C-alpha atoms as a PDB file:
ATOM      1  CA  MET A   1       0.179  -0.123  -0.178  1.00  0.00           C
ATOM      2  CA  PHE A   2       2.626   2.545  -1.385  1.00  0.00           C
ATOM      3  CA  GLY A   3       0.820   4.190  -3.771  1.00  0.00           C
ATOM      4  CA  ILE A   4      -0.157   7.577  -2.457  1.00  0.00           C
ATOM      5  CA  LEU A   5       3.065   7.793  -0.513  1.00  0.00           C
ATOM      6  CA  ARG A   6       5.064   7.268  -3.974  1.00  0.00           C
ATOM      7  CA  TYR A   7       2.675   9.936  -5.333  1.00  0.00           C
ATOM      8  CA  LEU A   8       3.192  12.272  -2.228  1.00  0.00           C
ATOM      9  CA  LEU A   9       6.958  12.071  -2.330  1.00  0.00           C
ATOM     10  CA  ALA A  10       6.765  12.984  -6.564  1.00  0.00           C
ATOM     11  CA  LEU A  11       4.775  15.968  -5.412  1.00  0.00           C
ATOM     12  CA  PHE A  12       7.709  16.779  -2.742  1.00  0.00           C
ATOM     13  CA  VAL A  13       9.951  17.185  -5.318  1.00  0.00           C
ATOM     14  CA  VAL A  14       8.199  19.230  -7.961  1.00  0.00           C
ATOM     15  CA  VAL A  15       7.183  21.556  -5.484  1.00  0.00           C
ATOM     16  CA  TYR A  16      11.096  22.007  -4.177  1.00  0.00           C
ATOM     17  CA  HIS A  17      11.946  22.390  -8.086  1.00  0.00           C
ATOM     18  CA  LEU A  18       9.089  24.593  -8.749  1.00  0.00           C
ATOM     19  CA  VAL A  19       8.238  26.638  -6.010  1.00  0.00           C
ATOM     20  CA  ASP A  20      11.161  29.194  -4.166  1.00  0.00           C
ATOM     21  CA  LEU A  21      10.397  28.192  -0.183  1.00  0.00           C
ATOM     22  CA  PRO A  22      13.311  27.431   1.953  1.00  0.00           C
ATOM     23  CA  THR A  23      12.393  24.323   2.259  1.00  0.00           C
ATOM     24  CA  ASN A  24      14.190  20.804   1.960  1.00  0.00           C
ATOM     25  CA  THR A  25      11.215  18.532   0.544  1.00  0.00           C
ATOM     26  CA  GLY A  26      12.596  17.873  -2.351  1.00  0.00           C
ATOM     27  CA  PRO A  27      16.203  15.668  -1.401  1.00  0.00           C
ATOM     28  CA  ILE A  28      14.183  14.443   2.050  1.00  0.00           C
ATOM     29  CA  ALA A  29      11.989  12.501  -0.510  1.00  0.00           C
ATOM     30  CA  VAL A  30      14.670  11.641  -2.439  1.00  0.00           C
ATOM     31  CA  PHE A  31      15.884   9.800   0.216  1.00  0.00           C
ATOM     32  CA  SER A  32      12.664   8.640   1.205  1.00  0.00           C
ATOM     33  CA  PHE A  33      12.628   6.967  -2.493  1.00  0.00           C
ATOM     34  CA  TYR A  34      15.949   5.571  -1.699  1.00  0.00           C
ATOM     35  CA  LEU A  35      14.374   4.081   1.464  1.00  0.00           C
ATOM     36  CA  LEU A  36      11.231   2.907   0.083  1.00  0.00           C
ATOM     37  CA  SER A  37      13.741   1.228  -3.317  1.00  0.00           C
ATOM     38  CA  GLY A  38      15.885  -0.813  -0.699  1.00  0.00           C
ATOM     39  CA  TYR A  39      12.888  -2.000   0.901  1.00  0.00           C
ATOM     40  CA  LEU A  40      10.856  -3.060  -2.040  1.00  0.00           C
ATOM     41  CA  MET A  41      14.256  -4.645  -4.378  1.00  0.00           C
ATOM     42  CA  THR A  42      15.302  -6.746  -1.377  1.00  0.00           C
ATOM     43  CA  TYR A  43      11.548  -7.808  -1.123  1.00  0.00           C
ATOM     44  CA  VAL A  44      10.835  -8.640  -5.124  1.00  0.00           C
ATOM     45  CA  LEU A  45      15.161 -10.170  -5.153  1.00  0.00           C
ATOM     46  CA  GLN A  46      14.253 -12.638  -2.434  1.00  0.00           C
ATOM     47  CA  ARG A  47      10.596 -13.523  -3.357  1.00  0.00           C
ATOM     48  CA  SER A  48      10.468 -13.123  -6.960  1.00  0.00           C
ATOM     49  CA  TYR A  49      13.826 -13.723  -8.302  1.00  0.00           C
ATOM     50  CA  GLY A  50      16.706 -15.455  -6.054  1.00  0.00           C
ATOM     51  CA  PHE A  51      20.123 -14.468  -6.639  1.00  0.00           C
ATOM     52  CA  GLN A  52      20.799 -17.381  -9.410  1.00  0.00           C
ATOM     53  CA  LEU A  53      22.253 -15.986 -12.350  1.00  0.00           C
ATOM     54  CA  GLY A  54      19.380 -16.448 -14.137  1.00  0.00           C
ATOM     55  CA  GLY A  55      17.372 -14.722 -11.386  1.00  0.00           C
ATOM     56  CA  THR A  56      19.753 -11.948 -11.534  1.00  0.00           C
ATOM     57  CA  LYS A  57      19.427 -11.235 -14.963  1.00  0.00           C
ATOM     58  CA  ARG A  58      15.925 -11.270 -15.092  1.00  0.00           C
ATOM     59  CA  PHE A  59      15.852  -8.808 -12.039  1.00  0.00           C
ATOM     60  CA  LEU A  60      18.161  -6.526 -13.835  1.00  0.00           C
ATOM     61  CA  VAL A  61      15.983  -7.016 -17.581  1.00  0.00           C
ATOM     62  CA  ASN A  62      13.316  -5.582 -16.080  1.00  0.00           C
ATOM     63  CA  ARG A  63      14.795  -2.744 -13.588  1.00  0.00           C
ATOM     64  CA  PHE A  64      15.675  -1.194 -17.078  1.00  0.00           C
ATOM     65  CA  LEU A  65      12.431  -1.779 -18.498  1.00  0.00           C
ATOM     66  CA  ARG A  66      10.631   0.087 -15.654  1.00  0.00           C
ATOM     67  CA  ILE A  67      13.851   3.012 -15.505  1.00  0.00           C
ATOM     68  CA  PHE A  68      14.884   3.637 -18.759  1.00  0.00           C
ATOM     69  CA  PRO A  69      11.771   3.682 -21.344  1.00  0.00           C
ATOM     70  CA  PRO A  70       9.591   6.298 -19.508  1.00  0.00           C
ATOM     71  CA  TYR A  71      12.709   8.453 -18.813  1.00  0.00           C
ATOM     72  CA  TRP A  72      13.288   8.081 -22.656  1.00  0.00           C
ATOM     73  CA  VAL A  73      10.143   9.749 -23.415  1.00  0.00           C
ATOM     74  CA  ALA A  74      10.813  12.295 -20.542  1.00  0.00           C
ATOM     75  CA  PHE A  75      14.136  12.948 -22.470  1.00  0.00           C
ATOM     76  CA  GLY A  76      12.542  13.571 -25.523  1.00  0.00           C
ATOM     77  CA  LEU A  77       9.716  15.924 -24.818  1.00  0.00           C
ATOM     78  CA  ALA A  78      12.452  17.856 -22.628  1.00  0.00           C
ATOM     79  CA  TRP A  79      14.956  18.030 -26.083  1.00  0.00           C
ATOM     80  CA  VAL A  80      11.528  19.614 -27.696  1.00  0.00           C
ATOM     81  CA  VAL A  81      10.601  22.065 -25.184  1.00  0.00           C
ATOM     82  CA  PHE A  82      13.936  23.301 -24.511  1.00  0.00           C
ATOM     83  CA  HIS A  83      14.819  23.845 -27.804  1.00  0.00           C
ATOM     84  CA  ALA A  84      11.468  25.353 -28.466  1.00  0.00           C
ATOM     85  CA  PHE A  85      11.729  27.999 -25.247  1.00  0.00           C
ATOM     86  CA  PRO A  86      15.587  28.583 -24.629  1.00  0.00           C
ATOM     87  CA  GLN A  87      14.934  31.478 -22.789  1.00  0.00           C
ATOM     88  CA  GLU A  88      12.292  30.134 -20.412  1.00  0.00           C
ATOM     89  CA  THR A  89      14.219  27.317 -19.964  1.00  0.00           C
ATOM     90  CA  ALA A  90      17.203  29.477 -19.166  1.00  0.00           C
ATOM     91  CA  ASP A  91      15.247  31.624 -16.796  1.00  0.00           C
ATOM     92  CA  PHE A  92      14.056  28.491 -15.110  1.00  0.00           C
ATOM     93  CA  CYS A  93      16.628  25.659 -14.712  1.00  0.00           C
ATOM     94  CA  VAL A  94      20.394  27.264 -15.327  1.00  0.00           C
ATOM     95  CA  SER A  95      21.662  23.527 -15.575  1.00  0.00           C
ATOM     96  CA  CYS A  96      18.870  22.903 -18.417  1.00  0.00           C
ATOM     97  CA  VAL A  97      20.577  23.788 -21.389  1.00  0.00           C
ATOM     98  CA  VAL A  98      20.465  22.100 -25.130  1.00  0.00           C
ATOM     99  CA  GLY A  99      23.198  22.101 -27.242  1.00  0.00           C
ATOM    100  CA  GLU A 100      23.632  25.292 -29.915  1.00  0.00           C
ATOM    101  CA  ASP A 101      24.210  22.524 -32.622  1.00  0.00           C
ATOM    102  CA  PRO A 102      23.555  18.540 -33.723  1.00  0.00           C
ATOM    103  CA  MET A 103      27.091  17.482 -32.269  1.00  0.00           C
ATOM    104  CA  THR A 104      26.681  19.231 -28.878  1.00  0.00           C
ATOM    105  CA  ASP A 105      23.331  17.838 -28.800  1.00  0.00           C
ATOM    106  CA  LEU A 106      24.460  14.157 -29.742  1.00  0.00           C
ATOM    107  CA  LYS A 107      27.115  14.227 -27.153  1.00  0.00           C
ATOM    108  CA  ILE A 108      24.171  15.390 -24.313  1.00  0.00           C
ATOM    109  CA  PHE A 109      22.050  12.523 -26.041  1.00  0.00           C
ATOM    110  CA  ALA A 110      24.976  10.011 -25.467  1.00  0.00           C
ATOM    111  CA  LYS A 111      25.980  11.156 -21.811  1.00  0.00           C
ATOM    112  CA  THR A 112      22.966  10.846 -20.471  1.00  0.00           C
ATOM    113  CA  ILE A 113      20.568   8.224 -22.678  1.00  0.00           C
ATOM    114  CA  LEU A 114      21.374   5.464 -20.129  1.00  0.00           C
ATOM    115  CA  LEU A 115      22.269   7.476 -17.413  1.00  0.00           C
ATOM    116  CA  VAL A 116      26.003   7.307 -18.110  1.00  0.00           C
ATOM    117  CA  GLY A 117      27.624  10.674 -16.278  1.00  0.00           C
ATOM    118  CA  ALA A 118      24.181  11.750 -15.229  1.00  0.00           C
ATOM    119  CA  ASN A 119      25.471  11.785 -11.814  1.00  0.00           C
ATOM    120  CA  THR A 120      24.531  15.208 -10.353  1.00  0.00           C
ATOM    121  CA  ALA A 121      21.239  17.717 -11.447  1.00  0.00           C
ATOM    122  CA  GLY A 122      24.136  19.583 -13.423  1.00  0.00           C
ATOM    123  CA  LYS A 123      25.292  16.762 -15.697  1.00  0.00           C
ATOM    124  CA  SER A 124      21.304  15.539 -15.971  1.00  0.00           C
ATOM    125  CA  THR A 125      20.517  18.568 -18.467  1.00  0.00           C
ATOM    126  CA  LEU A 126      17.800  17.553 -19.873  1.00  0.00           C
ATOM    127  CA  VAL A 127      15.687  15.589 -17.214  1.00  0.00           C
ATOM    128  CA  PRO A 128      17.691  17.218 -14.206  1.00  0.00           C
ATOM    129  CA  PRO A 129      15.808  14.383 -11.651  1.00  0.00           C
ATOM    130  CA  ALA A 130      17.670  11.770 -13.425  1.00  0.00           C
ATOM    131  CA  TRP A 131      20.645  11.987 -11.321  1.00  0.00           C
ATOM    132  CA  SER A 132      18.704   9.914  -8.548  1.00  0.00           C
ATOM    133  CA  LEU A 133      17.889   7.649 -10.898  1.00  0.00           C
ATOM    134  CA  ASN A 134      21.978   6.663 -11.721  1.00  0.00           C
ATOM    135  CA  VAL A 135      22.311   6.115  -8.083  1.00  0.00           C
ATOM    136  CA  GLU A 136      19.200   3.626  -8.054  1.00  0.00           C
ATOM    137  CA  PHE A 137      20.621   1.782 -10.918  1.00  0.00           C
ATOM    138  CA  PHE A 138      23.919   1.647  -9.531  1.00  0.00           C
ATOM    139  CA  PHE A 139      22.228   0.099  -6.213  1.00  0.00           C
ATOM    140  CA  TYR A 140      19.781  -2.390  -7.766  1.00  0.00           C
ATOM    141  CA  ILE A 141      23.127  -4.114  -9.478  1.00  0.00           C
ATOM    142  CA  ALA A 142      25.010  -4.180  -5.840  1.00  0.00           C
ATOM    143  CA  MET A 143      21.731  -5.509  -4.034  1.00  0.00           C
ATOM    144  CA  ALA A 144      21.194  -8.002  -7.133  1.00  0.00           C
ATOM    145  CA  LEU A 145      24.809  -9.393  -6.559  1.00  0.00           C
ATOM    146  CA  LEU A 146      25.419  -9.298  -3.038  1.00  0.00           C
ATOM    147  CA  LEU A 147      24.030  -6.699  -0.637  1.00  0.00           C
ATOM    148  CA  ALA A 148      20.590  -8.175  -0.345  1.00  0.00           C
ATOM    149  CA  ARG A 149      21.355 -11.827   0.328  1.00  0.00           C
ATOM    150  CA  LYS A 150      21.411 -11.865   3.657  1.00  0.00           C
ATOM    151  CA  ARG A 151      20.247 -10.445   6.553  1.00  0.00           C
ATOM    152  CA  TRP A 152      24.131  -9.609   7.915  1.00  0.00           C
ATOM    153  CA  MET A 153      24.989  -8.251   4.740  1.00  0.00           C
ATOM    154  CA  ALA A 154      22.096  -5.737   4.995  1.00  0.00           C
ATOM    155  CA  TRP A 155      23.534  -4.858   8.474  1.00  0.00           C
ATOM    156  CA  ALA A 156      26.948  -4.605   7.276  1.00  0.00           C
ATOM    157  CA  TRP A 157      26.075  -2.862   4.420  1.00  0.00           C
ATOM    158  CA  PHE A 158      24.574  -0.014   6.737  1.00  0.00           C
ATOM    159  CA  GLY A 159      27.719   0.297   8.423  1.00  0.00           C
ATOM    160  CA  LEU A 160      29.596   0.878   6.227  1.00  0.00           C
ATOM    161  CA  SER A 161      27.262   3.823   5.187  1.00  0.00           C
ATOM    162  CA  VAL A 162      27.080   5.307   8.453  1.00  0.00           C
ATOM    163  CA  GLY A 163      30.959   5.458   8.424  1.00  0.00           C
ATOM    164  CA  ALA A 164      31.110   6.631   4.539  1.00  0.00           C
ATOM    165  CA  LEU A 165      29.345   9.558   6.454  1.00  0.00           C
ATOM    166  CA  ALA A 166      30.978  10.215   8.788  1.00  0.00           C
ATOM    167  CA  LEU A 167      33.898  10.413   6.908  1.00  0.00           C
ATOM    168  CA  MET A 168      32.671  12.545   4.525  1.00  0.00           C
ATOM    169  CA  LEU A 169      31.555  14.777   7.449  1.00  0.00           C
ATOM    170  CA  VAL A 170      35.456  14.738   8.846  1.00  0.00           C
ATOM    171  CA  TRP A 171      36.529  15.683   5.099  1.00  0.00           C
ATOM    172  CA  GLU A 172      33.890  18.878   5.682  1.00  0.00           C
ATOM    173  CA  TRP A 173      32.425  17.385   2.203  1.00  0.00           C
ATOM    174  CA  ASP A 174      29.752  20.264   1.387  1.00  0.00           C
ATOM    175  CA  TRP A 175      25.485  18.916   2.044  1.00  0.00           C
ATOM    176  CA  GLU A 176      24.910  18.764  -1.800  1.00  0.00           C
ATOM    177  CA  THR A 177      27.631  16.751  -2.818  1.00  0.00           C
ATOM    178  CA  ILE A 178      27.048  14.233   0.063  1.00  0.00           C
ATOM    179  CA  TYR A 179      23.549  14.590  -1.248  1.00  0.00           C
ATOM    180  CA  PHE A 180      24.350  13.872  -4.875  1.00  0.00           C
ATOM    181  CA  SER A 181      26.837  11.119  -3.815  1.00  0.00           C
ATOM    182  CA  LYS A 182      26.246   7.433  -4.182  1.00  0.00           C
ATOM    183  CA  ALA A 183      28.175   6.819  -0.949  1.00  0.00           C
ATOM    184  CA  GLY A 184      25.453   9.643   1.281  1.00  0.00           C
ATOM    185  CA  GLY A 185      22.712   7.637  -0.784  1.00  0.00           C
ATOM    186  CA  ALA A 186      23.735   4.242   1.257  1.00  0.00           C
ATOM    187  CA  MET A 187      22.113   4.488   3.841  1.00  0.00           C
ATOM    188  CA  PRO A 188      18.665   4.345   2.977  1.00  0.00           C
ATOM    189  CA  PHE A 189      19.010   1.809   0.484  1.00  0.00           C
ATOM    190  CA  ALA A 190      20.518  -0.069   3.664  1.00  0.00           C
ATOM    191  CA  LEU A 191      17.378   0.725   6.164  1.00  0.00           C
ATOM    192  CA  GLY A 192      15.254  -0.145   3.551  1.00  0.00           C
ATOM    193  CA  SER A 193      16.869  -3.547   3.142  1.00  0.00           C
ATOM    194  CA  ILE A 194      17.437  -3.691   6.720  1.00  0.00           C
ATOM    195  CA  LEU A 195      13.532  -3.513   6.604  1.00  0.00           C
ATOM    196  CA  TYR A 196      12.414  -6.509   4.773  1.00  0.00           C
ATOM    197  CA  PHE A 197      15.156  -8.610   6.865  1.00  0.00           C
ATOM    198  CA  GLU A 198      13.650  -7.349   9.914  1.00  0.00           C
ATOM    199  CA  LYS A 199      10.046  -7.385   8.910  1.00  0.00           C
ATOM    200  CA  ASP A 200       8.732 -10.027  11.423  1.00  0.00           C
ATOM    201  CA  ARG A 201      10.107  -7.401  14.438  1.00  0.00           C
ATOM    202  CA  PHE A 202       8.593  -4.221  13.313  1.00  0.00           C
ATOM    203  CA  LYS A 203       4.982  -4.347  14.041  1.00  0.00           C
ATOM    204  CA  VAL A 204       4.159  -0.519  13.693  1.00  0.00           C
ATOM    205  CA  PRO A 205       0.857   0.134  15.702  1.00  0.00           C
ATOM    206  CA  LYS A 206      -1.037   3.035  14.248  1.00  0.00           C
ATOM    207  CA  TRP A 207      -0.582   5.785  16.580  1.00  0.00           C
ATOM    208  CA  LEU A 208       3.163   5.578  15.802  1.00  0.00           C
ATOM    209  CA  PHE A 209       2.345   5.784  12.253  1.00  0.00           C
ATOM    210  CA  VAL A 210       0.503   8.946  12.661  1.00  0.00           C
ATOM    211  CA  GLY A 211       3.365  10.207  14.858  1.00  0.00           C
ATOM    212  CA  ALA A 212       6.148   8.955  12.196  1.00  0.00           C
ATOM    213  CA  CYS A 213       3.647  11.423   9.269  1.00  0.00           C
ATOM    214  CA  LEU A 214       3.964  14.433  12.124  1.00  0.00           C
ATOM    215  CA  GLY A 215       7.646  14.238  12.823  1.00  0.00           C
ATOM    216  CA  TYR A 216       7.912  13.739   8.880  1.00  0.00           C
ATOM    217  CA  ALA A 217       6.140  16.472   8.331  1.00  0.00           C
ATOM    218  CA  ALA A 218       7.875  18.873  10.921  1.00  0.00           C
ATOM    219  CA  ASN A 219      11.361  18.012   9.353  1.00  0.00           C
ATOM    220  CA  PHE A 220      10.214  20.404   6.460  1.00  0.00           C
ATOM    221  CA  ALA A 221       9.379  23.079   8.701  1.00  0.00           C
ATOM    222  CA  VAL A 222      12.344  23.091  10.624  1.00  0.00           C
ATOM    223  CA  THR A 223      14.908  23.446   7.283  1.00  0.00           C
ATOM    224  CA  PRO A 224      14.151  26.475   7.019  1.00  0.00           C
ATOM    225  CA  LEU A 225      16.218  27.330   9.887  1.00  0.00           C
ATOM    226  CA  MET A 226      19.002  25.656   9.391  1.00  0.00           C
ATOM    227  CA  ASP A 227      21.989  25.949   7.347  1.00  0.00           C
ATOM    228  CA  GLY A 228      23.824  23.849   4.606  1.00  0.00           C
ATOM    229  CA  GLY A 229      25.029  21.368   7.225  1.00  0.00           C
ATOM    230  CA  GLY A 230      21.452  21.819   8.792  1.00  0.00           C
ATOM    231  CA  ARG A 231      20.081  20.648   5.804  1.00  0.00           C
ATOM    232  CA  LEU A 232      22.163  17.807   5.390  1.00  0.00           C
ATOM    233  CA  LEU A 233      20.804  17.083   8.977  1.00  0.00           C
ATOM    234  CA  SER A 234      17.074  17.171   7.779  1.00  0.00           C
ATOM    235  CA  ILE A 235      17.837  14.590   4.894  1.00  0.00           C
ATOM    236  CA  TYR A 236      18.916  11.723   7.440  1.00  0.00           C
ATOM    237  CA  ALA A 237      16.692  12.475  10.090  1.00  0.00           C
ATOM    238  CA  SER A 238      13.976  11.992   7.523  1.00  0.00           C
ATOM    239  CA  LEU A 239      15.064   8.896   7.391  1.00  0.00           C
ATOM    240  CA  PRO A 240      13.568   7.254  10.909  1.00  0.00           C
ATOM    241  CA  PHE A 241      10.537   8.728  10.091  1.00  0.00           C
ATOM    242  CA  MET A 242      10.259   7.139   6.831  1.00  0.00           C
ATOM    243  CA  PHE A 243      11.247   3.811   8.142  1.00  0.00           C
ATOM    244  CA  VAL A 244       8.350   3.424  10.374  1.00  0.00           C
ATOM    245  CA  MET A 245       6.195   4.756   7.846  1.00  0.00           C
ATOM    246  CA  THR A 246       6.880   2.381   5.545  1.00  0.00           C
ATOM    247  CA  ALA A 247       7.309  -0.378   8.199  1.00  0.00           C
ATOM    248  CA  PHE A 248       3.508   0.363   8.648  1.00  0.00           C
ATOM    249  CA  LEU A 249       2.224   0.739   5.397  1.00  0.00           C
ATOM    250  CA  LYS A 250       4.238  -2.741   4.254  1.00  0.00           C
ATOM    251  CA  ASP A 251       1.980  -5.006   6.200  1.00  0.00           C
ATOM    252  CA  ILE A 252      -1.805  -3.348   4.599  1.00  0.00           C
ATOM    253  CA  ARG A 253      -2.569  -5.730   2.248  1.00  0.00           C
ATOM    254  CA  PRO A 254      -4.940  -3.768   0.203  1.00  0.00           C
ATOM    255  CA  LYS A 255      -7.322  -6.588  -0.616  1.00  0.00           C
ATOM    256  CA  LYS A 256      -7.668  -7.510   2.812  1.00  0.00           C
ATOM    257  CA  HIS A 257      -7.297  -4.239   5.024  1.00  0.00           C
ATOM    258  CA  ILE A 258      -9.138  -1.784   2.377  1.00  0.00           C
ATOM    259  CA  SER A 259     -12.642  -2.212   1.896  1.00  0.00           C
ATOM    260  CA  SER A 260     -13.007   0.515  -0.454  1.00  0.00           C
ATOM    261  CA  PRO A 261     -12.345  -0.634  -4.250  1.00  0.00           C
ATOM    262  CA  LEU A 262     -12.181   3.045  -5.430  1.00  0.00           C
ATOM    263  CA  LEU A 263      -9.253   3.478  -2.621  1.00  0.00           C
ATOM    264  CA  ARG A 264      -7.442   0.783  -3.839  1.00  0.00           C
ATOM    265  CA  ARG A 265      -7.763   1.415  -7.310  1.00  0.00           C
ATOM    266  CA  THR A 266      -6.715   5.024  -6.544  1.00  0.00           C
ATOM    267  CA  ASP A 267      -3.722   4.055  -4.481  1.00  0.00           C
ATOM    268  CA  GLN A 268      -2.176   1.930  -7.451  1.00  0.00           C
ATOM    269  CA  LEU A 269      -3.350   4.889  -9.880  1.00  0.00           C
ATOM    270  CA  LEU A 270      -1.518   7.687  -7.967  1.00  0.00           C
ATOM    271  CA  GLY A 271       1.673   5.007  -7.377  1.00  0.00           C
ATOM    272  CA  ASP A 272       1.492   4.754 -10.973  1.00  0.00           C
ATOM    273  CA  LEU A 273       1.741   8.176 -11.560  1.00  0.00           C
ATOM    274  CA  SER A 274       4.790   9.097  -9.392  1.00  0.00           C
ATOM    275  CA  TYR A 275       7.385   8.027 -11.435  1.00  0.00           C
ATOM    276  CA  PRO A 276       6.204   9.742 -15.009  1.00  0.00           C
ATOM    277  CA  ILE A 277       5.215  13.382 -13.137  1.00  0.00           C
ATOM    278  CA  PHE A 278       8.750  12.927 -11.264  1.00  0.00           C
ATOM    279  CA  LEU A 279      10.727  12.693 -14.974  1.00  0.00           C
ATOM    280  CA  ILE A 280       8.427  15.726 -16.490  1.00  0.00           C
ATOM    281  CA  HIS A 281       7.785  17.995 -14.314  1.00  0.00           C
ATOM    282  CA  TYR A 282      10.929  20.938 -15.322  1.00  0.00           C
ATOM    283  CA  SER A 283       9.302  20.463 -18.983  1.00  0.00           C
ATOM    284  CA  PHE A 284       6.249  21.596 -17.617  1.00  0.00           C
ATOM    285  CA  ALA A 285       6.961  24.636 -15.685  1.00  0.00           C
ATOM    286  CA  VAL A 286       9.086  25.972 -18.941  1.00  0.00           C
ATOM    287  CA  LEU A 287       5.635  25.559 -20.590  1.00  0.00           C
ATOM    288  CA  GLY A 288       3.902  27.516 -18.029  1.00  0.00           C
ATOM    289  CA  LEU A 289       6.422  30.352 -18.235  1.00  0.00           C
ATOM    290  CA  ALA A 290       6.320  30.396 -21.988  1.00  0.00           C
ATOM    291  CA  PHE A 291       2.750  29.999 -22.154  1.00  0.00           C
ATOM    292  CA  LEU A 292       1.030  31.887 -19.303  1.00  0.00           C
ATOM    293  CA  PRO A 293       0.787  35.634 -18.630  1.00  0.00           C
ATOM    294  CA  PRO A 294       3.427  37.646 -16.797  1.00  0.00           C
ATOM    295  CA  ASP A 295       0.862  39.146 -14.297  1.00  0.00           C
ATOM    296  CA  PHE A 296       0.034  35.615 -13.662  1.00  0.00           C
ATOM    297  CA  MET A 297       3.504  34.312 -12.547  1.00  0.00           C
ATOM    298  CA  GLY A 298       3.591  36.344 -10.074  1.00  0.00           C
ATOM    299  CA  SER A 299       3.561  33.904  -7.530  1.00  0.00           C
ATOM    300  CA  ASP A 300       5.276  30.800  -7.829  1.00  0.00           C
ATOM    301  CA  TRP A 301       2.634  28.423  -6.580  1.00  0.00           C
ATOM    302  CA  ASN A 302       0.735  29.682  -9.675  1.00  0.00           C
ATOM    303  CA  LEU A 303       3.502  27.827 -11.625  1.00  0.00           C
ATOM    304  CA  PHE A 304       2.886  24.720  -9.630  1.00  0.00           C
ATOM    305  CA  PHE A 305      -0.736  24.527  -9.451  1.00  0.00           C
ATOM    306  CA  TRP A 306      -0.257  25.309 -13.345  1.00  0.00           C
ATOM    307  CA  THR A 307       1.292  22.167 -14.033  1.00  0.00           C
ATOM    308  CA  LEU A 308      -0.697  19.732 -11.921  1.00  0.00           C
ATOM    309  CA  ILE A 309      -3.762  18.988 -14.738  1.00  0.00           C
ATOM    310  CA  PRO A 310      -1.035  19.556 -17.705  1.00  0.00           C
ATOM    311  CA  ILE A 311       1.639  17.427 -15.420  1.00  0.00           C
ATOM    312  CA  HIS A 312      -0.787  14.621 -14.953  1.00  0.00           C
ATOM    313  CA  LEU A 313      -2.528  14.049 -18.106  1.00  0.00           C
ATOM    314  CA  ALA A 314       1.115  13.730 -19.389  1.00  0.00           C
ATOM    315  CA  ALA A 315       1.746  11.335 -16.828  1.00  0.00           C
ATOM    316  CA  LEU A 316      -1.381   9.303 -17.606  1.00  0.00           C
ATOM    317  CA  ALA A 317      -0.185   9.117 -21.183  1.00  0.00           C
ATOM    318  CA  ILE A 318       3.155   7.876 -19.954  1.00  0.00           C
ATOM    319  CA  HIS A 319       2.071   5.166 -17.900  1.00  0.00           C
ATOM    320  CA  PHE A 320      -1.031   4.213 -20.495  1.00  0.00           C
ATOM    321  CA  GLY A 321       1.250   4.263 -23.498  1.00  0.00           C
ATOM    322  CA  VAL A 322       4.485   3.046 -22.405  1.00  0.00           C
ATOM    323  CA  GLU A 323       4.514   1.926 -18.629  1.00  0.00           C
ATOM    324  CA  LYS A 324       1.073  -0.526 -19.108  1.00  0.00           C
ATOM    325  CA  PRO A 325       2.506  -1.804 -22.724  1.00  0.00           C
ATOM    326  CA  ILE A 326       5.941  -2.839 -21.380  1.00  0.00           C
ATOM    327  CA  ASN A 327       4.720  -4.125 -18.064  1.00  0.00           C
ATOM    328  CA  ARG A 328       3.243  -6.950 -20.090  1.00  0.00           C
ATOM    329  CA  ILE A 329       6.838  -7.834 -21.030  1.00  0.00           C
ATOM    330  CA  ARG A 330       8.069  -7.609 -17.972  1.00  0.00           C
ATOM    331  CA  ASP A 331       5.393  -9.819 -16.704  1.00  0.00           C
ATOM    332  CA  ARG A 332       6.228 -12.778 -18.970  1.00  0.00           C
ATOM    333  CA  VAL A 333      10.385 -11.970 -17.995  1.00  0.00           C
ATOM    334  CA  ARG A 334       8.951 -12.097 -14.171  1.00  0.00           C
ATOM    335  CA  ASN A 335       7.101 -14.979 -14.911  1.00  0.00           C
ATOM    336  CA  ARG A 336       9.591 -17.069 -16.589  1.00  0.00           C
ATOM    337  CA  ASN A 337      11.810 -16.478 -13.409  1.00  0.00           C
ATOM    338  CA  ARG A 338       9.419 -18.245 -11.522  1.00  0.00           C
ATOM    339  CA  ALA A 339       8.581 -21.449 -14.164  1.00  0.00           C
ATOM    340  CA  ALA A 340      12.674 -21.914 -13.994  1.00  0.00           C
END
């Protein structure tokens, strides 16, 4: 029962990028996605694919099919929009640049179409959030090859991630360098993997879940009071709250615990839309700057609310036009693994 949660996390990222607020909603949401991915990927590796060579290959094929086709659609959309409205693109996002000639465009394509080199927002020039996909896919591979195999490995992984964070702080890395790095993102993935192995020990009551939600929200509120180091603290401080929220939601079985079919379908649909929304919101922000009257743009919130309807319509198109057909292929890949 993670659909609504994933959707809200995607919206937190959109707010962070489109609204000039002194909050940490985007980075907190990205690390929350990491923790959720750590749990879910460990779950499917343990339950559906296993760690034999064939299962590992099928897992990685399905991860590729999950991440890249929607990303390529977002990539193409951004290329068209950013070329059509270069001034609005430059006004909205300094790093969102396209080439002045076909060869430069080809280099941008080659560097980022498979996420190679797209390890910061400044290098993911057409789909800035894609840097986090680079981190995700790195840990998918690491989990399939080693890290998600055993309980003790998950705990060792967590211990090493704590040590790596301590070293980065000793070396006085700034918060953004830590945030963009794979070493900085290791801890939430490890926590998610630990949650799978310790799932029977974490039975979260409703009152604790509600408290975790309130603490998670309060963490957004205190961010404006913090400097760079404090912003990093707010990212990692969100992880215990996200851990509890995930531990509670993992035990909710839609058909068993949710009596409303409408709520079950809504949760599923919103979860399905979260990834396309995450990918395409920059393009629609540029379109908003291009077409909305200047007086309307007196508030960043106007731009945010303008994007909501078109971004959801585009996300629906990507889900039903791209993801749904590919999901049928992914199902066949997964079922071949079970048959084997």
